[in-house]
């Protein structure tokens, strides 16, 4: 009888080992199934969208090119570059702000105003859009609106903003010109 009890005990251990082995295989299979990068898995489910990443890289590259064109005074080329950026990233207010500055560089105050207003429609707190809008309005001799835009710049800009002093100077200058 001892032999019979030993065989039953051994079978129980074997069944437990078989059950544990099957459970481990199932758990490992589930982990492999849900790991990112498995064949046939869509980018949206594995957390990395290659197409979106490549588009972001194209936007960043064109953005840098447009900044360089604007800073080197190639305003006409900068307008085209900023329009490309806006076409690729229409909700990026910084691109519209810089488009406005490129238009200002070309003496196109009305187009600049449109670009700055479009940036502000996307993000009201975009301080440099308020500053540019003030400049565009001043070029159009709309001084009351220019002063209001410059005051909004002062409200939204931070204490370390390099254009604070210039903004205060322009406000004083515009006020003095109107008082003449």
N, C-alpha and C. Protein backbone atom coordinates (compact mmCIF):
# COMPACT_ATOMS: atom_id res chain seq x y z
N UNK A 1 0.80 -1.18 0.00
CA UNK A 1 0.00 0.00 0.00
C UNK A 1 0.85 1.26 0.00
N UNK A 2 1.99 1.14 0.59
CA UNK A 2 2.89 2.29 0.56
C UNK A 2 3.22 2.69 -0.86
N UNK A 3 3.37 1.70 -1.73
CA UNK A 3 3.70 1.96 -3.12
C UNK A 3 2.55 2.71 -3.80
N UNK A 4 1.33 2.33 -3.51
CA UNK A 4 0.18 2.99 -4.13
C UNK A 4 0.08 4.44 -3.68
N UNK A 5 0.32 4.68 -2.40
CA UNK A 5 0.25 6.05 -1.91
C UNK A 5 1.35 6.91 -2.54
N UNK A 6 2.54 6.33 -2.71
CA UNK A 6 3.62 7.07 -3.34
C UNK A 6 3.27 7.45 -4.78
N UNK A 7 2.66 6.52 -5.56
CA UNK A 7 2.31 6.83 -6.93
C UNK A 7 1.25 7.92 -7.00
N UNK A 8 0.28 7.92 -6.11
CA UNK A 8 -0.75 8.95 -6.10
C UNK A 8 -0.11 10.28 -5.75
N UNK A 9 0.79 10.27 -4.77
CA UNK A 9 1.46 11.51 -4.37
C UNK A 9 2.31 12.04 -5.51
N UNK A 10 2.99 11.13 -6.23
CA UNK A 10 3.80 11.56 -7.35
C UNK A 10 2.94 12.12 -8.47
N UNK A 11 1.80 11.49 -8.72
CA UNK A 11 0.91 12.00 -9.76
C UNK A 11 0.43 13.39 -9.40
N UNK A 12 0.13 13.63 -8.14
CA UNK A 12 -0.34 14.94 -7.72
C UNK A 12 0.74 16.00 -7.95
N UNK A 13 1.97 15.68 -7.64
CA UNK A 13 3.06 16.61 -7.86
C UNK A 13 3.24 16.88 -9.35
N UNK A 14 3.13 15.84 -10.13
CA UNK A 14 3.28 16.00 -11.57
C UNK A 14 2.15 16.85 -12.15
N UNK A 15 0.94 16.63 -11.68
CA UNK A 15 -0.18 17.42 -12.17
C UNK A 15 -0.01 18.89 -11.78
N UNK A 16 0.45 19.12 -10.55
CA UNK A 16 0.70 20.49 -10.13
C UNK A 16 1.80 21.14 -10.98
N UNK A 17 2.85 20.40 -11.24
CA UNK A 17 3.94 20.92 -12.05
C UNK A 17 3.46 21.21 -13.47
N UNK A 18 2.64 20.30 -14.01
CA UNK A 18 2.09 20.51 -15.35
C UNK A 18 1.20 21.76 -15.36
N UNK A 19 0.37 21.92 -14.36
CA UNK A 19 -0.51 23.09 -14.25
C UNK A 19 0.29 24.39 -14.14
N UNK A 20 1.33 24.39 -13.31
CA UNK A 20 2.19 25.56 -13.17
C UNK A 20 2.92 25.88 -14.47
N UNK A 21 3.37 24.85 -15.15
CA UNK A 21 4.07 25.04 -16.42
C UNK A 21 3.13 25.65 -17.46
N UNK A 22 1.91 25.11 -17.56
CA UNK A 22 0.94 25.65 -18.50
C UNK A 22 0.57 27.10 -18.15
N UNK A 23 0.45 27.39 -16.86
CA UNK A 23 0.14 28.75 -16.42
C UNK A 23 1.28 29.70 -16.80
N UNK A 24 2.51 29.30 -16.60
CA UNK A 24 3.66 30.14 -16.95
C UNK A 24 3.72 30.37 -18.46
N UNK A 25 3.42 29.34 -19.23
CA UNK A 25 3.41 29.49 -20.69
C UNK A 25 2.32 30.49 -21.10
N UNK A 26 1.16 30.38 -20.49
CA UNK A 26 0.06 31.30 -20.81
C UNK A 26 0.42 32.74 -20.43
N UNK A 27 1.02 32.92 -19.26
CA UNK A 27 1.41 34.26 -18.81
C UNK A 27 2.47 34.84 -19.74
N UNK A 28 3.47 34.04 -20.08
CA UNK A 28 4.52 34.50 -20.99
C UNK A 28 3.94 34.84 -22.36
N UNK A 29 3.03 34.02 -22.84
CA UNK A 29 2.39 34.29 -24.13
C UNK A 29 1.61 35.59 -24.10
N UNK A 30 0.91 35.84 -23.01
CA UNK A 30 0.15 37.08 -22.88
C UNK A 30 1.09 38.28 -22.85
N UNK A 31 2.21 38.17 -22.14
CA UNK A 31 3.17 39.27 -22.10
C UNK A 31 3.74 39.56 -23.48
N UNK A 32 4.09 38.51 -24.20
CA UNK A 32 4.63 38.69 -25.56
C UNK A 32 3.56 39.31 -26.45
N UNK A 33 2.33 38.88 -26.31
CA UNK A 33 1.24 39.39 -27.13
C UNK A 33 1.05 40.89 -26.94
N UNK A 34 1.19 41.38 -25.70
CA UNK A 34 0.93 42.78 -25.41
C UNK A 34 2.17 43.66 -25.44
N UNK A 35 3.34 43.10 -25.70
CA UNK A 35 4.54 43.93 -25.79
C UNK A 35 4.50 44.79 -27.03
N UNK A 36 5.05 46.03 -26.95
CA UNK A 36 5.09 46.87 -28.14
C UNK A 36 6.00 46.28 -29.21
N UNK A 37 5.65 46.56 -30.47
CA UNK A 37 6.52 46.20 -31.56
C UNK A 37 6.29 44.83 -32.15
N UNK A 38 5.27 44.11 -31.68
CA UNK A 38 5.06 42.80 -32.28
C UNK A 38 4.51 42.96 -33.68
N UNK A 39 4.78 42.03 -34.56
CA UNK A 39 4.32 42.16 -35.95
C UNK A 39 2.79 42.28 -36.02
N UNK A 40 2.34 43.16 -36.90
CA UNK A 40 0.91 43.32 -37.10
C UNK A 40 0.24 44.25 -36.11
N UNK A 41 0.97 44.72 -35.14
CA UNK A 41 0.38 45.62 -34.14
C UNK A 41 0.37 47.03 -34.70
N UNK A 42 -0.72 47.74 -34.55
CA UNK A 42 -0.83 49.09 -35.08
C UNK A 42 -0.09 50.07 -34.19
N UNK A 43 0.41 51.18 -34.75
CA UNK A 43 1.14 52.17 -33.95
C UNK A 43 0.32 52.76 -32.82
N UNK A 44 -0.99 52.91 -33.03
CA UNK A 44 -1.82 53.52 -31.99
C UNK A 44 -1.87 52.64 -30.74
N UNK A 45 -1.72 51.32 -30.89
CA UNK A 45 -1.83 50.46 -29.73
C UNK A 45 -0.48 50.19 -29.07
N UNK A 46 0.62 50.40 -29.77
CA UNK A 46 1.90 50.13 -29.11
C UNK A 46 2.52 51.41 -28.55
N UNK A 47 1.87 52.55 -28.68
CA UNK A 47 2.32 53.77 -28.02
C UNK A 47 3.29 54.61 -28.83
N UNK A 48 3.67 54.19 -30.01
CA UNK A 48 4.62 54.98 -30.80
C UNK A 48 4.12 55.02 -32.23
N UNK A 49 3.85 56.20 -32.71
CA UNK A 49 3.34 56.39 -34.06
C UNK A 49 4.48 56.98 -34.90
N UNK A 50 5.06 56.15 -35.75
CA UNK A 50 6.21 56.55 -36.56
C UNK A 50 5.84 57.71 -37.49
N UNK A 51 4.67 57.64 -38.08
CA UNK A 51 4.24 58.70 -38.99
C UNK A 51 4.15 60.03 -38.26
N UNK A 52 3.57 60.02 -37.10
CA UNK A 52 3.44 61.25 -36.31
C UNK A 52 4.82 61.78 -35.91
N UNK A 53 5.71 60.89 -35.54
CA UNK A 53 7.06 61.29 -35.16
C UNK A 53 7.79 61.93 -36.34
N UNK A 54 7.65 61.34 -37.52
CA UNK A 54 8.32 61.88 -38.70
C UNK A 54 7.72 63.24 -39.06
N UNK A 55 6.40 63.39 -38.91
CA UNK A 55 5.76 64.68 -39.18
C UNK A 55 6.28 65.74 -38.21
N UNK A 56 6.42 65.39 -36.95
CA UNK A 56 6.94 66.33 -35.95
C UNK A 56 8.37 66.74 -36.31
N UNK A 57 9.16 65.80 -36.81
CA UNK A 57 10.52 66.13 -37.22
C UNK A 57 10.53 67.08 -38.41
N UNK A 58 9.62 66.87 -39.37
CA UNK A 58 9.53 67.77 -40.53
C UNK A 58 9.13 69.17 -40.09
N UNK A 59 8.16 69.25 -39.16
CA UNK A 59 7.73 70.55 -38.65
C UNK A 59 8.90 71.24 -37.95
N UNK A 60 9.61 70.52 -37.10
CA UNK A 60 10.74 71.11 -36.36
C UNK A 60 11.84 71.58 -37.31
N UNK A 61 12.12 70.81 -38.33
CA UNK A 61 13.15 71.20 -39.30
C UNK A 61 12.73 72.46 -40.06
N UNK A 62 11.51 72.48 -40.55
CA UNK A 62 11.04 73.65 -41.30
C UNK A 62 10.93 74.87 -40.39
N UNK A 63 10.55 74.65 -39.12
CA UNK A 63 10.48 75.74 -38.14
C UNK A 63 11.86 76.38 -37.97
N UNK A 64 12.89 75.55 -37.80
CA UNK A 64 14.26 76.08 -37.66
C UNK A 64 14.70 76.84 -38.90
N UNK A 65 14.37 76.30 -40.07
CA UNK A 65 14.71 77.00 -41.31
C UNK A 65 14.02 78.37 -41.38
N UNK A 66 12.76 78.41 -41.01
CA UNK A 66 12.00 79.66 -41.04
C UNK A 66 12.57 80.68 -40.05
N UNK A 67 12.96 80.20 -38.86
CA UNK A 67 13.57 81.09 -37.87
C UNK A 67 14.85 81.69 -38.44
N UNK A 68 15.67 80.86 -39.04
CA UNK A 68 16.93 81.35 -39.62
C UNK A 68 16.67 82.38 -40.72
N UNK A 69 15.69 82.12 -41.57
CA UNK A 69 15.37 83.08 -42.64
C UNK A 69 14.90 84.41 -42.06
N UNK A 70 14.06 84.34 -41.04
CA UNK A 70 13.55 85.56 -40.41
C UNK A 70 14.67 86.35 -39.74
N UNK A 71 15.53 85.66 -39.02
CA UNK A 71 16.60 86.34 -38.29
C UNK A 71 17.70 86.88 -39.20
N UNK A 72 17.81 86.33 -40.40
CA UNK A 72 18.82 86.83 -41.33
C UNK A 72 18.23 87.87 -42.29
N UNK A 73 16.97 88.26 -42.07
CA UNK A 73 16.37 89.31 -42.86
C UNK A 73 15.80 88.89 -44.20
N UNK A 74 15.68 87.61 -44.44
CA UNK A 74 15.09 87.11 -45.69
C UNK A 74 13.58 86.96 -45.47
N UNK A 75 12.90 88.10 -45.38
CA UNK A 75 11.50 88.09 -44.95
C UNK A 75 10.56 87.41 -45.95
N UNK A 76 10.77 87.62 -47.24
CA UNK A 76 9.88 87.00 -48.23
C UNK A 76 9.99 85.47 -48.16
N UNK A 77 11.22 84.97 -48.06
CA UNK A 77 11.42 83.53 -47.95
C UNK A 77 10.88 83.02 -46.62
N UNK A 78 11.01 83.83 -45.58
CA UNK A 78 10.51 83.44 -44.26
C UNK A 78 8.99 83.31 -44.28
N UNK A 79 8.31 84.22 -44.99
CA UNK A 79 6.84 84.12 -45.09
C UNK A 79 6.46 82.76 -45.68
N UNK A 80 7.13 82.36 -46.76
CA UNK A 80 6.83 81.06 -47.38
C UNK A 80 7.12 79.91 -46.43
N UNK A 81 8.22 80.01 -45.70
CA UNK A 81 8.58 78.95 -44.77
C UNK A 81 7.56 78.86 -43.63
N UNK A 82 7.15 80.03 -43.11
CA UNK A 82 6.15 80.01 -42.03
C UNK A 82 4.81 79.48 -42.53
N UNK A 83 4.47 79.77 -43.75
CA UNK A 83 3.23 79.23 -44.31
C UNK A 83 3.32 77.71 -44.43
N UNK A 84 4.50 77.19 -44.76
CA UNK A 84 4.70 75.73 -44.78
C UNK A 84 4.50 75.14 -43.38
N UNK A 85 5.10 75.79 -42.39
CA UNK A 85 4.97 75.29 -41.00
C UNK A 85 3.50 75.29 -40.60
N UNK A 86 2.79 76.37 -40.92
CA UNK A 86 1.37 76.46 -40.55
C UNK A 86 0.56 75.38 -41.26
N UNK A 87 0.89 75.09 -42.50
CA UNK A 87 0.19 74.02 -43.23
C UNK A 87 0.40 72.67 -42.55
N UNK A 88 1.61 72.45 -42.01
CA UNK A 88 1.91 71.18 -41.35
C UNK A 88 1.40 71.14 -39.91
N UNK A 89 1.37 72.30 -39.25
CA UNK A 89 0.96 72.37 -37.83
C UNK A 89 0.05 73.59 -37.63
N UNK A 90 -1.20 73.49 -38.05
CA UNK A 90 -2.08 74.65 -38.04
C UNK A 90 -2.43 75.19 -36.66
N UNK A 91 -2.21 74.42 -35.61
CA UNK A 91 -2.56 74.89 -34.27
C UNK A 91 -1.35 75.40 -33.49
N UNK A 92 -0.26 75.66 -34.18
CA UNK A 92 0.96 76.14 -33.53
C UNK A 92 0.99 77.67 -33.58
N UNK A 93 0.65 78.35 -32.47
CA UNK A 93 0.56 79.81 -32.51
C UNK A 93 1.90 80.50 -32.78
N UNK A 94 3.00 79.90 -32.36
CA UNK A 94 4.32 80.50 -32.57
C UNK A 94 4.62 80.70 -34.04
N UNK A 95 4.16 79.77 -34.89
CA UNK A 95 4.39 79.90 -36.33
C UNK A 95 3.64 81.11 -36.88
N UNK A 96 2.44 81.33 -36.39
CA UNK A 96 1.66 82.48 -36.87
C UNK A 96 2.26 83.79 -36.37
N UNK A 97 2.78 83.78 -35.14
CA UNK A 97 3.44 84.98 -34.61
C UNK A 97 4.64 85.33 -35.49
N UNK A 98 5.46 84.35 -35.78
CA UNK A 98 6.65 84.61 -36.61
C UNK A 98 6.29 84.98 -38.03
N UNK A 99 5.19 84.44 -38.55
CA UNK A 99 4.69 84.86 -39.86
C UNK A 99 4.35 86.34 -39.80
N UNK A 100 3.75 86.77 -38.71
CA UNK A 100 3.43 88.19 -38.54
C UNK A 100 4.67 89.06 -38.55
N UNK A 101 5.72 88.62 -37.86
CA UNK A 101 6.96 89.40 -37.86
C UNK A 101 7.62 89.43 -39.24
N UNK A 102 7.50 88.34 -40.00
CA UNK A 102 8.03 88.34 -41.36
C UNK A 102 7.27 89.35 -42.23
N UNK A 103 5.95 89.39 -42.05
CA UNK A 103 5.16 90.39 -42.80
C UNK A 103 5.54 91.81 -42.38
N UNK A 104 5.77 92.01 -41.09
CA UNK A 104 6.21 93.34 -40.65
C UNK A 104 7.53 93.70 -41.32
N UNK A 105 8.44 92.74 -41.44
CA UNK A 105 9.72 92.99 -42.10
C UNK A 105 9.56 93.40 -43.54
N UNK A 106 8.47 92.97 -44.16
CA UNK A 106 8.19 93.33 -45.56
C UNK A 106 7.35 94.60 -45.66
N UNK A 107 6.99 95.18 -44.51
CA UNK A 107 6.16 96.38 -44.51
C UNK A 107 4.69 96.09 -44.75
N UNK A 108 4.28 94.85 -44.54
CA UNK A 108 2.89 94.44 -44.77
C UNK A 108 2.15 94.38 -43.44
N UNK A 109 1.76 95.57 -42.95
CA UNK A 109 1.16 95.67 -41.62
C UNK A 109 -0.19 94.96 -41.52
N UNK A 110 -1.01 95.04 -42.54
CA UNK A 110 -2.33 94.41 -42.49
C UNK A 110 -2.20 92.88 -42.44
N UNK A 111 -1.29 92.32 -43.23
CA UNK A 111 -1.07 90.87 -43.22
C UNK A 111 -0.48 90.44 -41.88
N UNK A 112 0.41 91.27 -41.34
CA UNK A 112 0.98 90.98 -40.03
C UNK A 112 -0.11 90.96 -38.97
N UNK A 113 -0.99 91.95 -39.03
CA UNK A 113 -2.10 92.00 -38.06
C UNK A 113 -2.92 90.71 -38.12
N UNK A 114 -3.23 90.24 -39.33
CA UNK A 114 -4.01 89.00 -39.47
C UNK A 114 -3.28 87.82 -38.84
N UNK A 115 -1.99 87.73 -39.06
CA UNK A 115 -1.21 86.62 -38.50
C UNK A 115 -1.19 86.68 -36.97
N UNK A 116 -0.98 87.87 -36.42
CA UNK A 116 -0.95 88.00 -34.96
C UNK A 116 -2.31 87.69 -34.36
N UNK A 117 -3.38 88.15 -35.00
CA UNK A 117 -4.72 87.85 -34.49
C UNK A 117 -5.03 86.35 -34.58
N UNK A 118 -4.55 85.70 -35.62
CA UNK A 118 -4.73 84.25 -35.74
C UNK A 118 -3.99 83.51 -34.62
N UNK A 119 -2.79 83.99 -34.28
CA UNK A 119 -2.04 83.39 -33.17
C UNK A 119 -2.79 83.58 -31.86
N UNK A 120 -3.33 84.76 -31.65
CA UNK A 120 -4.06 85.05 -30.42
C UNK A 120 -5.36 84.26 -30.33
N UNK A 121 -5.96 83.95 -31.47
CA UNK A 121 -7.15 83.10 -31.47
C UNK A 121 -6.81 81.70 -30.98
N UNK A 122 -5.57 81.28 -31.25
CA UNK A 122 -5.13 79.96 -30.78
C UNK A 122 -4.68 79.99 -29.33
N UNK A 123 -4.04 81.08 -28.91
CA UNK A 123 -3.55 81.19 -27.54
C UNK A 123 -3.55 82.66 -27.13
N UNK A 124 -4.55 83.06 -26.38
CA UNK A 124 -4.72 84.46 -25.98
C UNK A 124 -3.53 84.97 -25.17
N UNK A 125 -2.87 84.11 -24.46
CA UNK A 125 -1.76 84.54 -23.58
C UNK A 125 -0.41 84.62 -24.30
N UNK A 126 -0.40 84.51 -25.61
CA UNK A 126 0.85 84.56 -26.39
C UNK A 126 1.37 85.99 -26.39
N UNK A 127 2.25 86.30 -25.45
CA UNK A 127 2.69 87.69 -25.22
C UNK A 127 3.31 88.30 -26.47
N UNK A 128 4.18 87.57 -27.16
CA UNK A 128 4.84 88.17 -28.32
C UNK A 128 3.87 88.45 -29.47
N UNK A 129 2.73 87.78 -29.47
CA UNK A 129 1.70 88.10 -30.48
C UNK A 129 1.07 89.45 -30.16
N UNK A 130 0.86 89.74 -28.88
CA UNK A 130 0.32 91.05 -28.50
C UNK A 130 1.31 92.16 -28.87
N UNK A 131 2.60 91.91 -28.64
CA UNK A 131 3.63 92.90 -28.97
C UNK A 131 3.64 93.16 -30.49
N UNK A 132 3.65 92.09 -31.27
CA UNK A 132 3.65 92.24 -32.72
C UNK A 132 2.38 92.90 -33.23
N UNK A 133 1.25 92.54 -32.62
CA UNK A 133 -0.01 93.17 -33.00
C UNK A 133 0.05 94.67 -32.74
N UNK A 134 0.62 95.05 -31.61
CA UNK A 134 0.76 96.48 -31.30
C UNK A 134 1.60 97.18 -32.37
N UNK A 135 2.68 96.56 -32.79
CA UNK A 135 3.52 97.16 -33.83
C UNK A 135 2.77 97.28 -35.16
N UNK A 136 2.04 96.22 -35.52
CA UNK A 136 1.29 96.24 -36.77
C UNK A 136 0.20 97.31 -36.75
N UNK A 137 -0.47 97.45 -35.62
CA UNK A 137 -1.52 98.47 -35.51
C UNK A 137 -0.93 99.88 -35.56
N UNK A 138 0.23 100.05 -34.92
CA UNK A 138 0.89 101.36 -34.94
C UNK A 138 1.30 101.72 -36.36
N UNK A 139 1.77 100.75 -37.14
CA UNK A 139 2.15 101.02 -38.54
C UNK A 139 0.94 101.48 -39.35
N UNK A 140 -0.24 101.04 -38.93
CA UNK A 140 -1.47 101.42 -39.62
C UNK A 140 -2.10 102.68 -39.00
N UNK A 141 -1.37 103.32 -38.10
CA UNK A 141 -1.83 104.54 -37.42
C UNK A 141 -3.10 104.32 -36.60
N UNK A 142 -3.25 103.13 -36.06
CA UNK A 142 -4.39 102.82 -35.18
C UNK A 142 -3.86 102.80 -33.75
N UNK A 143 -3.55 103.99 -33.27
CA UNK A 143 -2.76 104.14 -32.05
C UNK A 143 -3.49 103.70 -30.78
N UNK A 144 -4.77 103.94 -30.67
CA UNK A 144 -5.50 103.51 -29.47
C UNK A 144 -5.48 101.99 -29.37
N UNK A 145 -5.68 101.31 -30.50
CA UNK A 145 -5.63 99.84 -30.52
C UNK A 145 -4.21 99.35 -30.26
N UNK A 146 -3.22 100.06 -30.80
CA UNK A 146 -1.82 99.67 -30.59
C UNK A 146 -1.46 99.75 -29.11
N UNK A 147 -1.88 100.83 -28.45
CA UNK A 147 -1.58 100.95 -27.02
C UNK A 147 -2.28 99.85 -26.22
N UNK A 148 -3.51 99.54 -26.57
CA UNK A 148 -4.24 98.48 -25.87
C UNK A 148 -3.52 97.13 -26.05
N UNK A 149 -3.07 96.86 -27.25
CA UNK A 149 -2.34 95.60 -27.52
C UNK A 149 -1.03 95.57 -26.74
N UNK A 150 -0.34 96.72 -26.67
CA UNK A 150 0.93 96.75 -25.94
C UNK A 150 0.69 96.56 -24.44
N UNK A 151 -0.41 97.10 -23.92
CA UNK A 151 -0.73 96.87 -22.50
C UNK A 151 -1.04 95.40 -22.24
N UNK A 152 -1.68 94.73 -23.20
CA UNK A 152 -1.91 93.28 -23.04
C UNK A 152 -0.58 92.53 -23.07
N UNK A 153 0.35 92.99 -23.91
CA UNK A 153 1.69 92.38 -23.89
C UNK A 153 2.29 92.49 -22.50
N UNK A 154 2.20 93.67 -21.91
CA UNK A 154 2.77 93.87 -20.57
C UNK A 154 2.09 92.96 -19.55
N UNK A 155 0.81 92.73 -19.70
CA UNK A 155 0.08 91.86 -18.77
C UNK A 155 0.53 90.41 -18.90
N UNK A 156 0.77 89.95 -20.12
CA UNK A 156 1.10 88.54 -20.35
C UNK A 156 2.59 88.24 -20.31
N UNK A 157 3.43 89.24 -20.45
CA UNK A 157 4.88 88.97 -20.47
C UNK A 157 5.40 88.76 -19.05
N UNK A 158 6.48 88.02 -18.96
CA UNK A 158 7.10 87.76 -17.66
C UNK A 158 8.07 88.86 -17.26
N UNK A 159 8.49 88.85 -16.02
CA UNK A 159 9.36 89.92 -15.54
C UNK A 159 10.73 89.96 -16.23
N UNK A 160 11.19 88.88 -16.78
CA UNK A 160 12.49 88.85 -17.44
C UNK A 160 12.42 89.05 -18.94
N UNK A 161 11.25 89.41 -19.45
CA UNK A 161 11.10 89.55 -20.89
C UNK A 161 12.00 90.68 -21.41
N UNK A 162 12.82 90.41 -22.42
CA UNK A 162 13.76 91.43 -22.92
C UNK A 162 13.06 92.60 -23.62
N UNK A 163 11.79 92.48 -23.94
CA UNK A 163 11.09 93.55 -24.64
C UNK A 163 10.27 94.44 -23.70
N UNK A 164 10.35 94.21 -22.41
CA UNK A 164 9.58 95.02 -21.46
C UNK A 164 9.94 96.50 -21.53
N UNK A 165 11.22 96.79 -21.48
CA UNK A 165 11.65 98.19 -21.50
C UNK A 165 11.22 98.87 -22.80
N UNK A 166 11.40 98.18 -23.91
CA UNK A 166 11.01 98.75 -25.20
C UNK A 166 9.49 98.97 -25.25
N UNK A 167 8.73 98.06 -24.69
CA UNK A 167 7.27 98.20 -24.67
C UNK A 167 6.86 99.45 -23.89
N UNK A 168 7.50 99.68 -22.75
CA UNK A 168 7.20 100.89 -21.96
C UNK A 168 7.58 102.15 -22.75
N UNK A 169 8.72 102.11 -23.42
CA UNK A 169 9.15 103.26 -24.24
C UNK A 169 8.15 103.55 -25.35
N UNK A 170 7.71 102.50 -26.03
CA UNK A 170 6.76 102.70 -27.12
C UNK A 170 5.43 103.26 -26.62
N UNK A 171 4.98 102.75 -25.48
CA UNK A 171 3.73 103.28 -24.93
C UNK A 171 3.85 104.78 -24.64
N UNK A 172 4.95 105.17 -24.03
CA UNK A 172 5.16 106.60 -23.75
C UNK A 172 5.24 107.41 -25.03
N UNK A 173 5.99 106.89 -26.01
CA UNK A 173 6.15 107.58 -27.29
C UNK A 173 4.80 107.74 -27.98
N UNK A 174 4.01 106.67 -28.05
CA UNK A 174 2.72 106.72 -28.73
C UNK A 174 1.75 107.68 -28.02
N UNK A 175 1.82 107.67 -26.70
CA UNK A 175 0.97 108.58 -25.95
C UNK A 175 1.38 110.04 -26.19
N UNK A 176 2.68 110.29 -26.21
CA UNK A 176 3.18 111.65 -26.45
C UNK A 176 2.80 112.11 -27.85
N UNK A 177 2.91 111.23 -28.84
CA UNK A 177 2.55 111.60 -30.21
C UNK A 177 1.07 111.92 -30.33
N UNK A 178 0.26 111.21 -29.59
CA UNK A 178 -1.17 111.49 -29.66
C UNK A 178 -1.53 112.80 -28.96
N UNK A 179 -0.76 113.17 -27.93
CA UNK A 179 -1.03 114.40 -27.19
C UNK A 179 -0.58 115.65 -27.95
N UNK A 180 0.17 115.51 -29.04
CA UNK A 180 0.68 116.67 -29.79
C UNK A 180 -0.41 117.33 -30.55
